[in-house]
Protein backbone atom coordinates (compact mmCIF):
# COMPACT_ATOMS: atom_id res chain seq x y z
CA MET A 1 -45.66 51.92 -40.90
CA LEU A 2 -45.09 48.17 -41.41
CA LYS A 3 -45.24 48.64 -45.18
CA GLU A 4 -42.63 51.39 -45.03
CA ALA A 5 -40.41 49.27 -42.75
CA SER A 6 -40.66 46.41 -45.24
CA TYR A 7 -39.73 48.79 -48.07
CA TYR A 8 -36.54 49.93 -46.32
CA ALA A 9 -35.68 46.35 -45.41
CA ARG A 10 -35.79 45.54 -49.13
CA MET A 11 -33.56 48.54 -49.81
CA THR A 12 -31.00 47.25 -47.34
CA ARG A 13 -31.03 43.91 -49.13
CA GLY A 14 -30.95 45.53 -52.57
CA LEU A 15 -28.17 48.09 -52.00
CA VAL A 16 -25.61 45.55 -53.20
CA ASP A 17 -27.33 45.60 -56.63
CA VAL A 18 -26.99 49.39 -56.80
CA LEU A 19 -23.26 49.16 -56.11
CA LYS A 20 -22.50 45.98 -58.07
CA PRO A 21 -22.07 47.38 -61.63
CA ARG A 22 -18.51 48.07 -62.73
CA ARG A 23 -17.37 50.65 -65.27
CA ALA A 24 -17.76 49.54 -68.89
CA GLN A 25 -14.49 49.37 -70.82
CA ASP A 26 -16.03 51.20 -73.79
CA PRO A 27 -19.14 53.12 -72.61
CA LYS A 28 -19.72 54.96 -75.92
CA GLY A 29 -19.31 51.76 -77.90
CA LYS A 30 -21.78 49.91 -75.68
CA LEU A 31 -24.38 52.66 -76.03
CA ARG A 32 -23.81 52.94 -79.78
CA ARG A 33 -24.33 49.20 -80.33
CA GLN A 34 -27.53 49.26 -78.30
CA PHE A 35 -28.79 52.31 -80.20
CA GLU A 36 -28.20 50.59 -83.55
CA ARG A 37 -30.34 47.57 -82.66
CA ARG A 38 -33.12 49.39 -80.81
CA GLU A 39 -35.86 48.68 -83.37
CA GLU A 40 -34.98 45.00 -83.59
CA ASP A 41 -35.00 44.65 -79.80
CA PHE A 42 -38.28 46.54 -79.49
CA VAL A 43 -40.06 44.35 -82.03
CA GLN A 44 -38.86 41.24 -80.21
CA GLN A 45 -40.09 42.57 -76.86
CA VAL A 46 -43.52 43.41 -78.26
CA ARG A 47 -43.74 39.91 -79.75
CA ASP A 48 -42.67 38.07 -76.58
CA LEU A 49 -44.20 40.28 -73.87
CA VAL A 50 -47.38 41.59 -75.53
CA PHE A 51 -48.65 39.45 -78.41
CA ALA A 52 -47.70 36.21 -76.65
CA MET A 53 -49.70 37.31 -73.55
CA PRO A 54 -53.48 37.38 -74.27
CA GLU A 55 -54.27 39.19 -70.99
CA HIS A 56 -51.65 41.94 -71.37
CA PRO A 57 -53.34 45.38 -71.53
CA TYR A 58 -51.40 46.34 -74.67
CA ARG A 59 -52.45 43.07 -76.36
CA LYS A 60 -56.07 44.06 -75.85
CA MET A 61 -55.36 47.58 -77.17
CA PHE A 62 -53.72 46.16 -80.29
CA ALA A 63 -56.73 43.87 -80.81
CA LEU A 64 -59.20 46.73 -80.48
CA ALA A 65 -57.07 48.73 -82.94
CA GLY A 66 -57.24 45.80 -85.40
CA CYS A 67 -53.46 45.42 -85.41
CA GLU A 68 -51.81 41.98 -85.36
CA PHE A 69 -48.11 41.34 -84.85
CA GLY A 70 -47.45 40.98 -88.58
CA ASP A 71 -49.04 44.39 -89.19
CA PHE A 72 -46.94 45.93 -86.42
CA GLU A 73 -43.69 44.38 -87.67
CA ASP A 74 -44.39 45.41 -91.24
CA SER A 75 -45.16 48.99 -90.20
CA ILE A 76 -41.87 49.27 -88.29
CA ARG A 77 -40.02 48.05 -91.38
CA ARG A 78 -41.84 50.35 -93.82
CA LEU A 79 -42.48 53.52 -91.82
CA GLY A 80 -39.92 53.40 -89.05
CA LEU A 81 -40.40 53.45 -85.30
CA GLU A 82 -41.73 56.95 -84.62
CA LYS A 83 -44.28 57.02 -87.45
CA THR A 84 -45.57 53.61 -86.36
CA LEU A 85 -45.91 54.80 -82.78
CA ARG A 86 -47.88 57.84 -83.86
CA GLN A 87 -50.28 55.65 -85.85
CA LEU A 88 -50.66 53.34 -82.85
CA LYS A 89 -51.40 56.33 -80.61
CA ASP A 90 -54.15 57.48 -82.97
CA ALA A 91 -55.55 53.92 -83.00
CA GLY A 92 -55.76 53.74 -79.19
CA VAL A 93 -52.49 52.03 -78.26
CA TYR A 94 -51.23 54.36 -75.54
CA LEU A 95 -51.31 54.97 -71.79
CA ALA A 96 -52.46 58.19 -70.17
CA HIS A 97 -50.54 59.25 -67.07
CA ASP A 98 -53.53 58.71 -64.79
CA GLU A 99 -54.07 55.24 -66.31
CA LEU A 100 -50.51 54.22 -65.50
CA LYS A 101 -50.95 55.56 -61.96
CA GLY A 102 -54.23 53.67 -61.51
CA LYS A 103 -56.19 56.90 -61.03
CA ARG A 104 -58.62 56.04 -63.82
CA PRO A 105 -59.43 52.86 -65.74
CA MET A 106 -58.07 52.09 -69.19
CA VAL A 107 -61.00 52.40 -71.61
CA ARG A 108 -60.69 51.91 -75.38
CA GLY A 109 -63.61 51.64 -77.77
CA GLY A 110 -66.04 51.76 -74.86
CA LYS A 111 -64.42 48.67 -73.26
CA GLU A 112 -62.53 48.72 -69.97
CA ILE A 113 -59.16 46.97 -70.04
CA PRO A 114 -58.07 45.40 -66.73
CA GLY A 115 -54.57 46.20 -65.49
CA ASN A 116 -52.39 48.42 -63.31
CA ALA A 117 -48.82 49.73 -63.22
CA ASP A 118 -47.48 46.25 -62.41
CA SER A 119 -49.02 44.88 -65.62
CA PHE A 120 -46.26 46.62 -67.58
CA LEU A 121 -43.31 45.25 -65.58
CA LYS A 122 -41.09 42.78 -67.41
CA PRO A 123 -40.51 39.45 -65.68
CA GLY A 124 -37.03 38.92 -64.30
CA GLN A 125 -35.72 42.47 -64.87
CA GLY A 126 -36.22 43.97 -61.42
CA GLY A 127 -34.30 43.98 -58.17
CA TYR A 128 -34.87 44.65 -54.50
CA TRP A 129 -34.02 48.37 -54.82
CA THR A 130 -36.91 50.32 -56.28
CA SER A 131 -37.51 53.92 -57.23
CA GLN A 132 -40.82 55.47 -56.25
CA SER A 133 -42.76 58.01 -58.29
CA GLY A 134 -45.37 60.33 -56.87
CA GLY A 135 -48.78 59.09 -55.83
CA SER A 136 -51.72 60.13 -53.72
CA ARG A 137 -52.04 58.62 -50.27
CA SER A 138 -50.66 55.38 -51.65
CA SER A 139 -47.07 54.34 -52.03
CA GLY A 140 -46.85 55.70 -55.56
CA THR A 141 -45.54 53.65 -58.48
CA ALA A 142 -42.60 51.43 -57.57
CA THR A 143 -40.12 50.52 -60.32
CA PRO A 144 -37.40 47.94 -59.58
CA HIS A 145 -34.12 48.45 -61.44
CA GLY A 146 -31.86 45.46 -61.97
CA VAL A 147 -28.07 45.29 -62.19
CA ALA A 148 -27.99 45.20 -66.01
CA TYR A 149 -30.07 48.35 -66.29
CA ARG A 150 -27.98 50.18 -63.70
CA ALA A 151 -24.77 49.24 -65.51
CA HIS A 152 -26.21 50.61 -68.74
CA ARG A 153 -27.34 53.83 -67.06
CA ASN A 154 -23.86 54.37 -65.64
CA CYS A 155 -22.59 54.54 -69.23
CA TYR A 156 -24.61 57.75 -69.71
CA VAL A 157 -22.73 59.33 -66.81
CA ASP A 158 -19.41 58.17 -68.29
CA VAL A 159 -20.16 59.83 -71.64
CA TRP A 160 -21.39 62.98 -69.89
CA ALA A 161 -18.18 63.12 -67.83
CA GLU A 162 -16.18 62.85 -71.05
CA GLU A 163 -18.23 65.62 -72.66
CA PHE A 164 -17.53 68.02 -69.79
CA GLY A 165 -13.98 66.84 -69.03
CA LEU A 166 -14.80 65.75 -65.50
CA GLY A 167 -12.56 62.70 -65.13
CA GLY A 168 -10.52 63.07 -61.95
CA CYS A 169 -12.55 65.99 -60.60
CA GLY A 170 -14.16 66.18 -57.18
CA CYS A 171 -17.88 65.66 -56.63
CA VAL A 172 -20.32 67.16 -54.13
CA MET A 173 -23.90 65.93 -53.79
CA LEU A 174 -26.68 68.37 -52.88
CA LEU A 175 -29.43 65.77 -52.72
CA PRO A 176 -32.13 64.80 -50.21
CA ILE A 177 -31.86 61.94 -47.75
CA LEU A 178 -34.59 59.31 -47.50
CA PRO A 179 -37.36 58.87 -48.41
CA ALA A 180 -35.67 59.92 -51.68
CA SER A 181 -33.14 57.16 -52.41
CA TYR A 182 -31.38 58.27 -55.59
CA ALA A 183 -28.33 59.76 -53.84
CA PHE A 184 -26.88 56.27 -53.43
CA ALA A 185 -27.04 55.49 -57.15
CA CYS A 186 -25.65 58.95 -57.96
CA ALA A 187 -22.69 58.42 -55.62
CA ARG A 188 -21.87 55.11 -57.28
CA SER A 189 -22.19 56.52 -60.81
CA ALA A 190 -19.91 59.44 -59.93
CA GLN A 191 -17.34 57.08 -58.43
CA LEU A 192 -17.29 54.90 -61.56
CA ALA A 193 -16.94 58.01 -63.74
CA GLY A 194 -13.78 59.00 -61.86
CA ALA A 195 -15.35 61.73 -59.71
CA PRO A 196 -15.84 60.23 -56.21
CA VAL A 197 -18.14 62.12 -53.86
CA SER A 198 -16.33 64.01 -51.08
CA HIS A 199 -19.34 65.78 -49.48
CA TRP A 200 -23.07 65.13 -49.30
CA PHE A 201 -25.25 68.08 -48.26
CA ALA A 202 -28.94 67.62 -47.58
CA VAL A 203 -31.86 69.47 -46.06
CA GLY A 204 -32.18 68.32 -42.47
CA GLY A 205 -35.69 68.81 -41.17
CA GLY A 206 -36.76 68.32 -37.57
CA LEU A 207 -36.68 65.03 -35.70
CA ARG A 208 -40.47 64.80 -35.95
CA ASP A 209 -40.44 65.13 -39.74
CA ALA A 210 -37.17 63.43 -40.60
CA GLY A 211 -35.89 61.50 -37.56
CA PRO A 212 -36.57 57.96 -38.83
CA TYR A 213 -35.30 58.88 -42.30
CA ARG A 214 -32.03 60.14 -40.84
CA TRP A 215 -31.46 56.87 -38.98
CA VAL A 216 -32.22 54.65 -41.98
CA THR A 217 -30.09 56.86 -44.23
CA ARG A 218 -27.12 56.47 -41.87
CA ALA A 219 -27.64 52.71 -41.81
CA LEU A 220 -27.60 52.56 -45.61
CA VAL A 221 -24.52 54.81 -45.80
CA THR A 222 -22.75 52.47 -43.37
CA GLU A 223 -23.65 49.50 -45.56
CA ALA A 224 -22.58 51.35 -48.73
CA LYS A 225 -19.20 52.20 -47.24
CA LEU A 226 -18.66 48.55 -46.28
CA LEU A 227 -19.48 47.60 -49.88
CA GLY A 228 -16.81 49.98 -51.21
CA CYS A 229 -18.92 52.95 -52.30
CA ALA A 230 -17.36 56.42 -52.01
CA ILE A 231 -20.26 58.05 -50.19
CA PRO A 232 -19.84 60.38 -47.20
CA TRP A 233 -22.16 60.90 -44.26
CA PRO A 234 -24.81 63.48 -45.20
CA ALA A 235 -24.27 66.92 -43.66
CA LEU A 236 -27.66 68.41 -42.79
CA LEU A 237 -27.97 72.09 -43.70
CA PRO A 238 -29.30 74.70 -41.25
CA ALA A 239 -32.70 76.14 -42.09
CA ASN A 240 -32.65 78.33 -45.23
CA ASP A 241 -28.84 78.33 -45.26
CA PHE A 242 -26.84 77.12 -48.25
CA MET A 243 -23.57 78.79 -47.27
CA PRO A 244 -21.97 75.53 -46.02
CA VAL A 245 -22.15 74.30 -49.62
CA VAL A 246 -20.72 77.58 -50.94
CA ARG A 247 -17.78 77.42 -48.49
CA CYS A 248 -17.07 73.84 -49.49
CA LEU A 249 -17.03 74.76 -53.19
CA GLU A 250 -14.98 77.91 -52.55
CA LYS A 251 -12.31 75.79 -50.88
CA ALA A 252 -12.29 73.29 -53.76
CA VAL A 253 -12.01 75.86 -56.56
CA SER A 254 -9.32 77.81 -54.67
CA LYS A 255 -7.13 74.74 -55.14
CA GLY A 256 -7.73 74.84 -58.87
CA ARG A 257 -9.75 71.63 -58.82
CA LYS A 258 -12.83 71.34 -61.01
CA THR A 259 -15.83 70.21 -58.97
CA LEU A 260 -19.05 68.52 -59.99
CA VAL A 261 -22.20 69.29 -57.99
CA TRP A 262 -24.99 66.75 -58.43
CA SER A 263 -28.18 68.52 -57.37
CA VAL A 264 -31.85 69.25 -57.80
CA VAL A 265 -32.47 72.52 -59.68
CA SER A 266 -33.83 74.72 -56.87
CA PRO A 267 -31.08 73.98 -54.28
CA ALA A 268 -28.46 74.57 -56.99
CA VAL A 269 -29.95 78.00 -57.66
CA ARG A 270 -29.95 78.76 -53.92
CA VAL A 271 -26.25 77.88 -53.70
CA ALA A 272 -25.42 80.12 -56.67
CA ALA A 273 -27.52 82.97 -55.25
CA ALA A 274 -25.75 82.69 -51.89
CA ALA A 275 -22.37 82.78 -53.61
CA LEU A 276 -23.36 85.91 -55.56
CA GLU A 277 -24.64 87.58 -52.40
CA HIS A 278 -21.29 87.04 -50.65
CA GLY A 279 -19.14 87.86 -53.70
CA ILE A 280 -17.76 84.32 -54.04
CA SER A 281 -16.93 83.01 -57.51
CA LEU A 282 -17.93 79.46 -58.41
CA HIS A 283 -15.78 79.40 -61.53
CA GLY A 284 -14.69 75.79 -61.97
CA VAL A 285 -17.94 74.33 -60.62
CA GLN A 286 -20.13 72.19 -62.89
CA PHE A 287 -23.73 71.63 -61.79
CA LEU A 288 -25.58 68.53 -63.00
CA VAL A 289 -29.23 69.22 -62.20
CA GLY A 290 -32.63 67.61 -62.62
CA GLY A 291 -35.95 67.05 -60.89
CA GLU A 292 -37.59 70.25 -62.18
CA ALA A 293 -37.38 72.72 -65.05
CA LEU A 294 -34.09 74.56 -65.52
CA THR A 295 -35.72 77.80 -66.67
CA ALA A 296 -33.83 80.68 -68.27
CA ALA A 297 -33.95 82.68 -65.02
CA ARG A 298 -32.58 79.78 -62.99
CA ARG A 299 -29.80 79.10 -65.47
CA GLU A 300 -28.88 82.79 -65.46
CA VAL A 301 -28.41 82.85 -61.66
CA ILE A 302 -26.16 79.77 -61.75
CA GLU A 303 -24.05 81.08 -64.63
CA GLN A 304 -23.73 84.55 -63.04
CA SER A 305 -21.95 82.84 -60.14
CA GLY A 306 -19.28 81.62 -62.58
CA ALA A 307 -20.47 78.01 -62.62
CA GLU A 308 -21.63 75.91 -65.56
CA VAL A 309 -24.88 73.94 -65.51
CA CYS A 310 -26.29 70.98 -67.42
CA SER A 311 -29.85 69.58 -67.45
CA THR A 312 -30.87 65.97 -66.95
CA TYR A 313 -34.27 64.41 -67.61
CA TYR A 314 -35.38 61.35 -65.68
CA ALA A 315 -38.66 59.61 -64.82
CA SER A 316 -38.97 56.76 -62.36
CA GLU A 317 -41.09 54.61 -64.68
CA LEU A 318 -38.88 55.27 -67.73
CA GLY A 319 -35.38 55.68 -66.34
CA THR A 320 -32.90 58.15 -67.81
CA ILE A 321 -34.43 60.04 -70.72
CA GLY A 322 -31.58 62.41 -71.59
CA TYR A 323 -28.71 64.71 -70.62
CA GLY A 324 -27.72 68.09 -71.94
CA CYS A 325 -24.32 68.82 -73.51
CA ARG A 326 -22.03 71.86 -73.47
CA ARG A 327 -23.80 73.43 -76.46
CA MET A 328 -27.26 73.29 -74.93
CA LYS A 329 -28.02 76.51 -73.09
CA SER A 330 -31.76 76.13 -72.53
CA ASN A 331 -33.74 73.46 -70.67
CA CYS A 332 -32.73 70.96 -73.33
CA VAL A 333 -31.38 67.39 -73.42
CA HIS A 334 -30.25 64.79 -75.93
CA LEU A 335 -32.87 62.03 -76.12
CA PHE A 336 -31.25 58.69 -75.20
CA GLU A 337 -33.00 56.67 -77.88
CA ASP A 338 -31.49 53.34 -76.95
CA ASN A 339 -33.59 53.52 -73.75
CA VAL A 340 -36.67 55.47 -74.88
CA THR A 341 -38.11 57.23 -77.88
CA ALA A 342 -40.78 59.91 -77.92
CA ILE A 343 -43.51 61.51 -79.99
CA ALA A 344 -45.27 64.79 -79.14
CA VAL A 345 -49.04 65.24 -79.29
CA GLU A 346 -50.59 68.69 -79.08
CA ARG A 347 -53.48 68.93 -76.62
CA PRO A 348 -54.96 71.24 -73.98
CA ALA A 349 -53.25 70.84 -70.62
CA PRO A 350 -55.41 69.98 -67.60
CA LEU A 351 -55.68 72.67 -64.91
CA THR A 352 -54.62 75.33 -67.46
CA ASP A 353 -55.97 77.03 -70.57
CA VAL A 354 -52.91 76.45 -72.78
CA LEU A 355 -51.99 74.00 -75.50
CA VAL A 356 -48.95 71.85 -74.85
CA GLN A 357 -46.79 69.39 -76.74
CA SER A 358 -47.47 66.36 -74.56
CA LEU A 359 -44.59 63.90 -74.71
CA HIS A 360 -45.49 60.22 -75.17
CA PHE A 361 -42.65 57.82 -74.42
CA THR A 362 -41.92 54.24 -75.47
CA THR A 363 -39.30 52.13 -73.69
CA LEU A 364 -36.88 50.28 -75.98
CA LEU A 365 -34.05 48.90 -73.85
CA PRO A 366 -34.42 45.13 -73.25
CA TYR A 367 -33.45 45.47 -69.59
CA ASN A 368 -35.53 48.54 -68.86
CA PRO A 369 -37.85 47.15 -66.15
CA ARG A 370 -41.05 48.24 -67.94
CA LEU A 371 -42.40 47.85 -71.45
CA LEU A 372 -44.38 51.03 -72.08
CA ILE A 373 -45.78 52.11 -75.43
CA ASN A 374 -46.85 55.72 -75.95
CA VAL A 375 -47.10 56.47 -72.23
CA GLU A 376 -47.96 60.08 -71.45
CA MET A 377 -46.02 61.52 -68.49
CA ASP A 378 -47.82 64.90 -68.48
CA ASP A 379 -44.63 66.67 -69.55
CA HIS A 380 -44.39 69.29 -72.28
CA GLY A 381 -41.38 69.33 -74.59
CA ILE A 382 -40.35 70.36 -78.10
CA LEU A 383 -38.78 67.52 -80.11
CA GLY A 384 -36.14 68.47 -82.64
CA THR A 385 -32.76 67.64 -84.14
CA ALA A 386 -29.60 68.39 -82.17
CA SER A 387 -27.18 70.50 -84.24
CA CYS A 388 -24.11 69.93 -82.04
CA ASP A 389 -21.13 67.63 -82.53
CA CYS A 390 -20.70 66.40 -78.98
CA SER A 391 -20.01 63.13 -77.21
CA PHE A 392 -23.73 62.29 -77.27
CA THR A 393 -24.23 62.83 -81.01
CA GLN A 394 -21.16 60.66 -81.57
CA VAL A 395 -23.08 57.83 -79.92
CA GLY A 396 -26.05 58.50 -82.22
CA TYR A 397 -28.31 60.63 -80.01
CA SER A 398 -29.20 63.20 -82.67
CA ARG A 399 -32.68 64.05 -81.38
CA GLN A 400 -33.28 66.52 -78.57
CA ILE A 401 -36.10 67.61 -76.26
CA ASP A 402 -36.23 71.33 -75.49
CA ASP A 403 -38.37 73.50 -73.18
CA ILE A 404 -39.24 70.64 -70.81
CA TRP A 405 -41.74 71.28 -68.02
CA SER A 406 -44.54 69.43 -66.28
CA PHE A 407 -48.09 70.61 -66.85
CA SER A 408 -49.90 68.50 -64.23
CA LYS A 409 -47.28 67.78 -61.57
CA LEU A 410 -45.89 70.12 -58.95
CA THR A 411 -42.11 69.70 -58.92
CA GLY A 412 -39.50 71.43 -56.83
CA TYR A 413 -36.64 70.84 -54.41
CA GLY A 414 -36.39 67.19 -55.46
CA ALA A 415 -39.99 66.11 -54.86
CA THR A 416 -42.93 65.51 -57.20
CA LEU A 417 -46.58 65.88 -56.22
CA VAL A 418 -49.29 64.93 -58.69
CA GLY A 419 -51.53 67.84 -59.64
CA SER A 420 -54.76 65.93 -59.05
CA ASP A 421 -53.71 65.23 -55.44
CA ILE A 422 -52.99 68.91 -54.79
CA LEU A 423 -56.26 69.80 -56.52
CA ARG A 424 -58.15 67.69 -54.01
CA LEU A 425 -56.62 69.69 -51.14
CA LEU A 426 -57.41 73.02 -52.80
CA GLU A 427 -60.98 72.22 -53.79
CA ARG A 428 -62.10 70.03 -50.88
CA ALA A 429 -59.91 70.08 -47.77
CA LEU A 430 -59.33 73.85 -47.57
CA PRO A 431 -62.97 74.95 -48.18
CA ARG A 432 -64.16 72.36 -45.67
CA GLN A 433 -61.74 73.68 -43.03
CA PHE A 434 -61.81 77.45 -43.65
CA GLY A 435 -64.96 78.11 -45.68
CA GLY A 436 -65.52 79.44 -49.16
CA SER A 437 -65.67 77.51 -52.42
CA PRO A 438 -63.12 75.69 -54.57
CA ALA A 439 -62.72 78.92 -56.60
CA ASP A 440 -61.39 80.74 -53.52
CA TYR A 441 -58.07 78.86 -53.23
CA GLN A 442 -55.22 78.86 -55.73
CA LEU A 443 -51.66 77.52 -55.56
CA VAL A 444 -49.22 79.45 -57.73
CA GLU A 445 -45.77 78.12 -58.63
CA THR A 446 -43.53 81.01 -59.62
CA GLU A 447 -39.96 82.32 -59.74
CA ARG A 448 -38.37 85.28 -58.01
CA GLU A 449 -34.87 86.04 -59.25
CA GLY A 450 -34.57 82.43 -60.38
CA ILE A 451 -35.66 81.01 -57.00
CA GLY A 452 -38.69 78.71 -57.05
CA LYS A 453 -41.56 79.84 -54.82
CA LEU A 454 -45.07 78.61 -54.01
CA ILE A 455 -47.86 80.98 -53.03
CA LEU A 456 -51.23 79.82 -51.73
CA ARG A 457 -53.69 82.59 -52.54
CA VAL A 458 -56.81 82.61 -50.32
CA SER A 459 -59.70 84.86 -51.22
CA PRO A 460 -60.76 87.26 -48.42
CA ARG A 461 -64.32 86.10 -49.16
CA THR A 462 -63.61 82.91 -47.25
CA GLY A 463 -63.42 84.81 -43.97
CA ALA A 464 -60.03 83.26 -43.21
CA ARG A 465 -57.77 85.72 -41.40
CA ASP A 466 -55.02 83.61 -39.88
CA THR A 467 -52.59 82.81 -42.71
CA ALA A 468 -50.39 80.86 -40.30
CA ALA A 469 -53.26 78.51 -39.52
CA VAL A 470 -54.01 78.02 -43.22
CA ARG A 471 -50.32 77.35 -43.87
CA GLU A 472 -49.99 74.73 -41.14
CA PHE A 473 -53.20 72.98 -42.18
CA PHE A 474 -52.14 72.83 -45.83
CA LEU A 475 -48.67 71.53 -44.95
CA LYS A 476 -50.21 68.89 -42.69
CA GLU A 477 -52.39 67.72 -45.58
CA VAL A 478 -49.44 67.68 -48.00
CA ARG A 479 -47.51 65.58 -45.47
CA GLY A 480 -50.17 62.90 -45.91
CA LEU A 481 -49.42 62.55 -49.63
CA PHE A 482 -46.81 60.10 -50.83
CA GLY A 483 -43.52 62.01 -50.76
CA GLY A 484 -45.22 64.77 -48.81
CA SER A 485 -42.96 64.62 -45.76
CA LEU A 486 -39.91 65.23 -47.97
CA THR A 487 -41.71 68.04 -49.78
CA VAL A 488 -42.74 69.84 -46.59
CA ARG A 489 -39.25 69.43 -45.14
CA ASP A 490 -37.70 71.10 -48.18
CA TRP A 491 -40.32 73.84 -48.49
CA LYS A 492 -39.79 74.81 -44.88
CA HIS A 493 -36.00 74.73 -45.11
CA ALA A 494 -35.91 77.00 -48.15
CA GLU A 495 -38.80 79.22 -47.01
CA ALA A 496 -40.36 78.46 -50.36
CA PHE A 497 -44.03 78.36 -49.34
CA THR A 498 -46.21 81.30 -48.26
CA VAL A 499 -49.93 82.03 -47.82
CA THR A 500 -51.49 85.34 -48.82
CA LEU A 501 -55.00 86.73 -48.42
CA GLU A 502 -55.79 87.92 -51.94
CA GLU A 503 -58.01 86.99 -54.84
CA PRO A 504 -56.85 84.11 -57.06
CA VAL A 505 -55.44 85.18 -60.41
CA ALA A 506 -57.83 84.83 -63.35
CA THR A 507 -56.78 83.98 -66.90
CA LYS A 508 -57.48 86.30 -69.84
CA ALA A 509 -60.58 84.22 -70.48
CA GLY A 510 -61.76 84.84 -66.92
CA LYS A 511 -61.02 81.34 -65.63
CA VAL A 512 -59.78 80.81 -62.08
CA LEU A 513 -57.47 77.81 -62.17
CA ALA A 514 -56.78 76.12 -58.86
CA LEU A 515 -53.20 75.28 -59.81
CA HIS A 516 -50.85 77.60 -61.71
CA LEU A 517 -47.71 75.61 -62.57
CA LEU A 518 -44.39 77.11 -63.56
CA GLY A 519 -44.30 77.46 -67.34
CA THR A 520 -48.02 77.80 -68.00
CA GLY A 521 -48.08 81.52 -67.37
CA THR A 522 -45.84 82.36 -70.32
CA ARG A 523 -47.66 80.28 -72.93
CA SER A 524 -50.93 80.73 -74.73
CA LYS A 525 -52.96 78.87 -77.30
CA ALA A 526 -51.72 81.15 -80.02
CA GLY A 527 -48.12 80.80 -79.00
CA SER A 528 -47.84 77.05 -78.50
CA ALA A 529 -45.06 75.45 -80.49
CA ARG A 530 -45.44 72.44 -82.73
CA ALA A 531 -43.04 69.51 -82.88
């Protein structure tokens, strides 16, 4: 409790940094200049922050790989950035997702390398306001973002607003309140892009689950207003009811005003589905969504309502990875290669029996708070060349990532839970409480008419008969995970989680996987794509 209170006290102090950046006079020009010098800046960072620091984990990896700075610099000059990164990955210069999270030690060549997530933070680049990624029963991975980085990230929103013609439009946020904190940065970015936020809708939750978060959120909104941010008080939605958002959008579009909705994917789909059910057109609404995969079924529901939708791709440790443009109709984004670059490595996904193209990212921007080389985020994606002539390709972002989905993290309704944490609940906590073995419990992430659902399948062999008791126990355990209170709040609000007494689904090879994530069910070893 004291640690959490200290965290929110730092947020109160750091909110001024979130709101401090002003709009760049030439956003595209600023991004283009940074893109053109990305290799030069990256080489300098590796020299100053890795090779000059004998105890840095990457320095030890380079040494074990037999690579000195001159070799690295020469390879960048001869082969280019991406080919060099692939060679470094093969030589052992990389970070697995669990290594970054501190869930397993970094071992190369039989030698353990000391370090943790903080080892990769750059000195002097952070601020008081941090973003938190998922964790177990810890506080997750905290990444502080400074003013310079936030100003740069706002340029992405400016270019996106130009691409979709959103200058002067209205903006509605459909984003969670605390403990998720990104609504404040979104409100400021929208304001600078000429689309100030008029309404903020959020899932409410009960006083027991969300009471303290409501109070701290209101305190931060009060502070933000005093600092000149166009951010409204959050309106808490009734349980499983997205019609207040639909009515707000109906009123806006009836006046002929284009409206941006900044949202997580699943709530956006629920709004579109509610509009379709009541025969209300959302023509003139532009959804900007992220946080989970924008699958074909989800996109179809949103577009059937008359609205347009665009994907974003973001990771707390990396920052903004990419945005989609008007031409991109799948779960696809332009890769913002001034901030990060990526290579794809084919490998079997944990918890599944499929091959995936595992994305490995490297941070390039000098004021990105972390220097990460070939870090694996446990996300699948197909790297390719963007064929469009849009505002992003005019900057220089000619590479794209398509078919993005997470293969070891449970994402939905704005929260992320690490697969290994959920696995512990399925294989240990549930059998201990209700009987049976780890093979008798399976969590399935699925879609029904584009709406994300979670089903906990419990084998009748366990002897469990009271699905309500199983449900409440599982939700109580999830609440104990970092970010779990937000997750449970949103699952309950959207009625997205159910328990059934039935045998877990087996794969074609006869395996019973404890966790079936969205995306894995439609892919096989034979059908995996290559980058």
